[in-house]
Amino acid sequence: MLKYLYITAFAGIFTIFTSIANAQDFDKGLAFAKNGDFAAAIKEWRPLAEQGHADAQSNLGVMYAKGDGVLKDAAEAVRWFRLAAEQGHAGAQSNLGTMYANGEGVLKDAATAHMWYNIVSANGVENAGKLRDELETKMTPEQIANAVQRARTCMSSNYAQCN
């Protein structure tokens, strides 16, 4: 039993130091990106993104969407946005909605875009409600009802059932 406690204590300390290192790496990437050194930012963010860091995932999505430091790749942007969105990252959720609304990296799908904008709006991002409302002018009542139900399912499942 004592051995277990030491391992648990070590794991907790390791987690704290890893979190601090991850925050420092993320901040380094942010500084690189602000200075226009996107290649260096990617070197900092990719390992974090692969470990599940939602901010790093979302930022990689933006870089792939714009072609900053990488070849522009809308499908890869969607992949990173989805990973972050499914962790509740509002920026990634909004960007994912835009990708579906415009058919970038995915088939154009107003209902899925509406779903993501509705989720982001419910999470307090005011502009997302405006984007959702604009989409509604191009949707049938059935499509809107479907999108609203999908948003509810997605949110109630803590983003596990968003497709």
C-alpha atoms as a PDB file:
ATOM      1  CA  MET A   1       0.000   0.000   0.000  1.00  0.00           C
ATOM      2  CA  LEU A   2       2.794   2.415   0.833  1.00  0.00           C
ATOM      3  CA  LYS A   3       4.367   1.790  -2.565  1.00  0.00           C
ATOM      4  CA  TYR A   4       1.088   2.798  -4.212  1.00  0.00           C
ATOM      5  CA  LEU A   5       0.982   6.080  -2.296  1.00  0.00           C
ATOM      6  CA  TYR A   6       4.485   7.003  -3.455  1.00  0.00           C
ATOM      7  CA  ILE A   7       3.584   6.246  -7.051  1.00  0.00           C
ATOM      8  CA  THR A   8       0.392   8.295  -6.748  1.00  0.00           C
ATOM      9  CA  ALA A   9       2.274  11.175  -5.172  1.00  0.00           C
ATOM     10  CA  PHE A  10       4.925  11.022  -7.887  1.00  0.00           C
ATOM     11  CA  ALA A  11       2.246  10.913 -10.588  1.00  0.00           C
ATOM     12  CA  GLY A  12       0.569  13.971  -9.084  1.00  0.00           C
ATOM     13  CA  ILE A  13       3.831  15.916  -8.948  1.00  0.00           C
ATOM     14  CA  PHE A  14       4.695  14.801 -12.489  1.00  0.00           C
ATOM     15  CA  THR A  15       1.269  15.993 -13.675  1.00  0.00           C
ATOM     16  CA  ILE A  16       1.799  19.409 -12.084  1.00  0.00           C
ATOM     17  CA  PHE A  17       5.218  19.829 -13.719  1.00  0.00           C
ATOM     18  CA  THR A  18       3.903  18.540 -17.054  1.00  0.00           C
ATOM     19  CA  SER A  19       1.024  21.040 -16.909  1.00  0.00           C
ATOM     20  CA  ILE A  20       3.440  23.871 -16.195  1.00  0.00           C
ATOM     21  CA  ALA A  21       5.703  22.754 -19.061  1.00  0.00           C
ATOM     22  CA  ASN A  22       2.698  22.477 -21.395  1.00  0.00           C
ATOM     23  CA  ALA A  23       1.586  25.994 -20.472  1.00  0.00           C
ATOM     24  CA  GLN A  24       5.084  27.303 -21.100  1.00  0.00           C
ATOM     25  CA  ASP A  25       5.277  25.522 -24.473  1.00  0.00           C
ATOM     26  CA  PHE A  26       1.861  26.858 -25.442  1.00  0.00           C
ATOM     27  CA  ASP A  27       2.878  30.387 -24.483  1.00  0.00           C
ATOM     28  CA  LYS A  28       6.127  30.026 -26.446  1.00  0.00           C
ATOM     29  CA  GLY A  29       4.097  28.975 -29.472  1.00  0.00           C
ATOM     30  CA  LEU A  30       1.805  31.944 -28.977  1.00  0.00           C
ATOM     31  CA  ALA A  31       4.760  34.325 -28.880  1.00  0.00           C
ATOM     32  CA  PHE A  32       6.174  32.782 -32.067  1.00  0.00           C
ATOM     33  CA  ALA A  33       2.803  33.085 -33.829  1.00  0.00           C
ATOM     34  CA  LYS A  34       2.396  36.722 -32.775  1.00  0.00           C
ATOM     35  CA  ASN A  35       5.800  37.431 -34.302  1.00  0.00           C
ATOM     36  CA  GLY A  36       4.846  35.659 -37.523  1.00  0.00           C
ATOM     37  CA  ASP A  37       7.127  32.658 -36.951  1.00  0.00           C
ATOM     38  CA  PHE A  38       4.430  30.099 -37.636  1.00  0.00           C
ATOM     39  CA  ALA A  39       6.844  27.216 -38.221  1.00  0.00           C
ATOM     40  CA  ALA A  40       8.231  27.646 -34.693  1.00  0.00           C
ATOM     41  CA  ALA A  41       4.702  27.970 -33.289  1.00  0.00           C
ATOM     42  CA  ILE A  42       3.734  24.688 -34.911  1.00  0.00           C
ATOM     43  CA  LYS A  43       6.770  22.958 -33.370  1.00  0.00           C
ATOM     44  CA  GLU A  44       5.542  24.050 -29.946  1.00  0.00           C
ATOM     45  CA  TRP A  45       1.841  23.384 -30.487  1.00  0.00           C
ATOM     46  CA  ARG A  46       1.763  20.122 -32.440  1.00  0.00           C
ATOM     47  CA  PRO A  47       3.008  17.918 -29.555  1.00  0.00           C
ATOM     48  CA  LEU A  48       0.558  19.622 -27.205  1.00  0.00           C
ATOM     49  CA  ALA A  49      -2.278  19.223 -29.701  1.00  0.00           C
ATOM     50  CA  GLU A  50      -1.483  15.542 -30.105  1.00  0.00           C
ATOM     51  CA  GLN A  51      -1.693  15.194 -26.309  1.00  0.00           C
ATOM     52  CA  GLY A  52      -5.181  16.740 -26.339  1.00  0.00           C
ATOM     53  CA  HIS A  53      -4.461  20.410 -25.552  1.00  0.00           C
ATOM     54  CA  ALA A  54      -7.611  22.121 -26.903  1.00  0.00           C
ATOM     55  CA  ASP A  55      -6.083  25.587 -27.373  1.00  0.00           C
ATOM     56  CA  ALA A  56      -3.168  24.116 -29.331  1.00  0.00           C
ATOM     57  CA  GLN A  57      -5.582  22.023 -31.415  1.00  0.00           C
ATOM     58  CA  SER A  58      -7.722  25.046 -32.213  1.00  0.00           C
ATOM     59  CA  ASN A  59      -4.703  27.152 -33.118  1.00  0.00           C
ATOM     60  CA  LEU A  60      -3.384  24.436 -35.431  1.00  0.00           C
ATOM     61  CA  GLY A  61      -6.814  24.400 -37.051  1.00  0.00           C
ATOM     62  CA  VAL A  62      -6.569  28.120 -37.716  1.00  0.00           C
ATOM     63  CA  MET A  63      -3.072  27.728 -39.148  1.00  0.00           C
ATOM     64  CA  TYR A  64      -4.216  24.988 -41.540  1.00  0.00           C
ATOM     65  CA  ALA A  65      -7.312  26.983 -42.493  1.00  0.00           C
ATOM     66  CA  LYS A  66      -5.207  30.034 -43.354  1.00  0.00           C
ATOM     67  CA  GLY A  67      -2.046  28.294 -44.552  1.00  0.00           C
ATOM     68  CA  ASP A  68       0.117  29.971 -41.904  1.00  0.00           C
ATOM     69  CA  GLY A  69       3.366  28.006 -41.623  1.00  0.00           C
ATOM     70  CA  VAL A  70       1.818  24.978 -43.355  1.00  0.00           C
ATOM     71  CA  LEU A  71       0.215  24.242 -46.681  1.00  0.00           C
ATOM     72  CA  LYS A  72      -3.390  25.374 -46.574  1.00  0.00           C
ATOM     73  CA  ASP A  73      -5.477  22.276 -45.872  1.00  0.00           C
ATOM     74  CA  ALA A  74      -9.137  22.759 -44.966  1.00  0.00           C
ATOM     75  CA  ALA A  75      -9.677  19.068 -44.159  1.00  0.00           C
ATOM     76  CA  GLU A  76      -6.781  19.133 -41.693  1.00  0.00           C
ATOM     77  CA  ALA A  77      -8.154  22.352 -40.197  1.00  0.00           C
ATOM     78  CA  VAL A  78     -11.510  20.627 -39.671  1.00  0.00           C
ATOM     79  CA  ARG A  79      -9.764  17.687 -37.978  1.00  0.00           C
ATOM     80  CA  TRP A  80      -8.055  19.944 -35.444  1.00  0.00           C
ATOM     81  CA  PHE A  81     -11.137  22.117 -34.919  1.00  0.00           C
ATOM     82  CA  ARG A  82     -13.244  19.003 -34.266  1.00  0.00           C
ATOM     83  CA  LEU A  83     -10.812  17.663 -31.660  1.00  0.00           C
ATOM     84  CA  ALA A  84     -10.872  20.965 -29.774  1.00  0.00           C
ATOM     85  CA  ALA A  85     -14.626  21.499 -30.287  1.00  0.00           C
ATOM     86  CA  GLU A  86     -15.379  18.130 -28.729  1.00  0.00           C
ATOM     87  CA  GLN A  87     -13.583  19.350 -25.610  1.00  0.00           C
ATOM     88  CA  GLY A  88     -15.857  22.388 -25.411  1.00  0.00           C
ATOM     89  CA  HIS A  89     -13.476  24.908 -27.005  1.00  0.00           C
ATOM     90  CA  ALA A  90     -15.808  27.718 -28.149  1.00  0.00           C
ATOM     91  CA  GLY A  91     -13.434  29.169 -30.750  1.00  0.00           C
ATOM     92  CA  ALA A  92     -12.977  25.782 -32.389  1.00  0.00           C
ATOM     93  CA  GLN A  93     -16.721  25.165 -32.265  1.00  0.00           C
ATOM     94  CA  SER A  94     -17.370  28.451 -34.023  1.00  0.00           C
ATOM     95  CA  ASN A  95     -14.674  27.786 -36.615  1.00  0.00           C
ATOM     96  CA  LEU A  96     -16.070  24.307 -37.202  1.00  0.00           C
ATOM     97  CA  GLY A  97     -19.492  25.850 -37.784  1.00  0.00           C
ATOM     98  CA  THR A  98     -17.954  28.188 -40.352  1.00  0.00           C
ATOM     99  CA  MET A  99     -16.215  25.303 -42.118  1.00  0.00           C
ATOM    100  CA  TYR A 100     -19.563  23.497 -42.471  1.00  0.00           C
ATOM    101  CA  ALA A 101     -21.381  26.682 -43.469  1.00  0.00           C
ATOM    102  CA  ASN A 102     -18.878  27.331 -46.267  1.00  0.00           C
ATOM    103  CA  GLY A 103     -18.159  23.728 -47.239  1.00  0.00           C
ATOM    104  CA  GLU A 104     -14.450  24.040 -46.482  1.00  0.00           C
ATOM    105  CA  GLY A 105     -12.789  20.707 -45.748  1.00  0.00           C
ATOM    106  CA  VAL A 106     -16.226  19.102 -45.384  1.00  0.00           C
ATOM    107  CA  LEU A 107     -19.394  18.940 -47.436  1.00  0.00           C
ATOM    108  CA  LYS A 108     -21.427  22.111 -47.045  1.00  0.00           C
ATOM    109  CA  ASP A 109     -24.009  21.356 -44.358  1.00  0.00           C
ATOM    110  CA  ALA A 110     -26.187  24.150 -42.974  1.00  0.00           C
ATOM    111  CA  ALA A 111     -27.703  21.904 -40.287  1.00  0.00           C
ATOM    112  CA  THR A 112     -24.298  20.958 -38.863  1.00  0.00           C
ATOM    113  CA  ALA A 113     -23.108  24.566 -39.061  1.00  0.00           C
ATOM    114  CA  HIS A 114     -26.304  25.626 -37.254  1.00  0.00           C
ATOM    115  CA  MET A 115     -25.706  22.972 -34.599  1.00  0.00           C
ATOM    116  CA  TRP A 116     -22.191  24.262 -33.855  1.00  0.00           C
ATOM    117  CA  TYR A 117     -23.245  27.928 -33.930  1.00  0.00           C
ATOM    118  CA  ASN A 118     -26.138  27.105 -31.604  1.00  0.00           C
ATOM    119  CA  ILE A 119     -23.774  25.383 -29.166  1.00  0.00           C
ATOM    120  CA  VAL A 120     -21.343  28.302 -29.220  1.00  0.00           C
ATOM    121  CA  SER A 121     -24.200  30.744 -28.739  1.00  0.00           C
ATOM    122  CA  ALA A 122     -25.428  28.739 -25.746  1.00  0.00           C
ATOM    123  CA  ASN A 123     -21.875  28.948 -24.397  1.00  0.00           C
ATOM    124  CA  GLY A 124     -22.089  32.745 -24.474  1.00  0.00           C
ATOM    125  CA  VAL A 125     -20.495  33.786 -27.764  1.00  0.00           C
ATOM    126  CA  GLU A 126     -22.880  36.448 -29.053  1.00  0.00           C
ATOM    127  CA  ASN A 127     -21.700  36.531 -32.680  1.00  0.00           C
ATOM    128  CA  ALA A 128     -22.450  32.825 -33.045  1.00  0.00           C
ATOM    129  CA  GLY A 129     -26.148  33.488 -32.505  1.00  0.00           C
ATOM    130  CA  LYS A 130     -26.105  35.989 -35.355  1.00  0.00           C
ATOM    131  CA  LEU A 131     -24.405  33.482 -37.641  1.00  0.00           C
ATOM    132  CA  ARG A 132     -26.938  30.820 -36.632  1.00  0.00           C
ATOM    133  CA  ASP A 133     -29.827  33.176 -37.304  1.00  0.00           C
ATOM    134  CA  GLU A 134     -28.439  34.041 -40.756  1.00  0.00           C
ATOM    135  CA  LEU A 135     -28.262  30.343 -41.595  1.00  0.00           C
ATOM    136  CA  GLU A 136     -31.868  29.841 -40.541  1.00  0.00           C
ATOM    137  CA  THR A 137     -33.043  32.087 -43.373  1.00  0.00           C
ATOM    138  CA  LYS A 138     -31.744  29.429 -45.798  1.00  0.00           C
ATOM    139  CA  MET A 139     -33.083  26.391 -43.922  1.00  0.00           C
ATOM    140  CA  THR A 140     -36.412  24.622 -43.726  1.00  0.00           C
ATOM    141  CA  PRO A 141     -38.212  24.347 -40.366  1.00  0.00           C
ATOM    142  CA  GLU A 142     -37.390  20.615 -40.370  1.00  0.00           C
ATOM    143  CA  GLN A 143     -33.681  21.294 -40.879  1.00  0.00           C
ATOM    144  CA  ILE A 144     -33.705  23.830 -38.056  1.00  0.00           C
ATOM    145  CA  ALA A 145     -35.505  21.421 -35.701  1.00  0.00           C
ATOM    146  CA  ASN A 146     -33.009  18.708 -36.575  1.00  0.00           C
ATOM    147  CA  ALA A 147     -30.054  21.034 -35.944  1.00  0.00           C
ATOM    148  CA  VAL A 148     -31.486  22.159 -32.599  1.00  0.00           C
ATOM    149  CA  GLN A 149     -32.006  18.558 -31.488  1.00  0.00           C
ATOM    150  CA  ARG A 150     -28.468  17.648 -32.556  1.00  0.00           C
ATOM    151  CA  ALA A 151     -27.103  20.589 -30.554  1.00  0.00           C
ATOM    152  CA  ARG A 152     -29.007  19.422 -27.469  1.00  0.00           C
ATOM    153  CA  THR A 153     -27.719  15.872 -27.878  1.00  0.00           C
ATOM    154  CA  CYS A 154     -24.183  17.110 -28.387  1.00  0.00           C
ATOM    155  CA  MET A 155     -24.216  19.340 -25.319  1.00  0.00           C
ATOM    156  CA  SER A 156     -25.995  16.859 -23.052  1.00  0.00           C
ATOM    157  CA  SER A 157     -23.408  14.205 -23.978  1.00  0.00           C
ATOM    158  CA  ASN A 158     -20.584  16.596 -23.064  1.00  0.00           C
ATOM    159  CA  TYR A 159     -19.666  16.750 -26.784  1.00  0.00           C
ATOM    160  CA  ALA A 160     -19.329  12.974 -27.165  1.00  0.00           C
ATOM    161  CA  GLN A 161     -22.302  12.687 -29.574  1.00  0.00           C
ATOM    162  CA  CYS A 162     -21.959  15.614 -31.954  1.00  0.00           C
ATOM    163  CA  ASN A 163     -22.239  13.903 -35.323  1.00  0.00           C
END
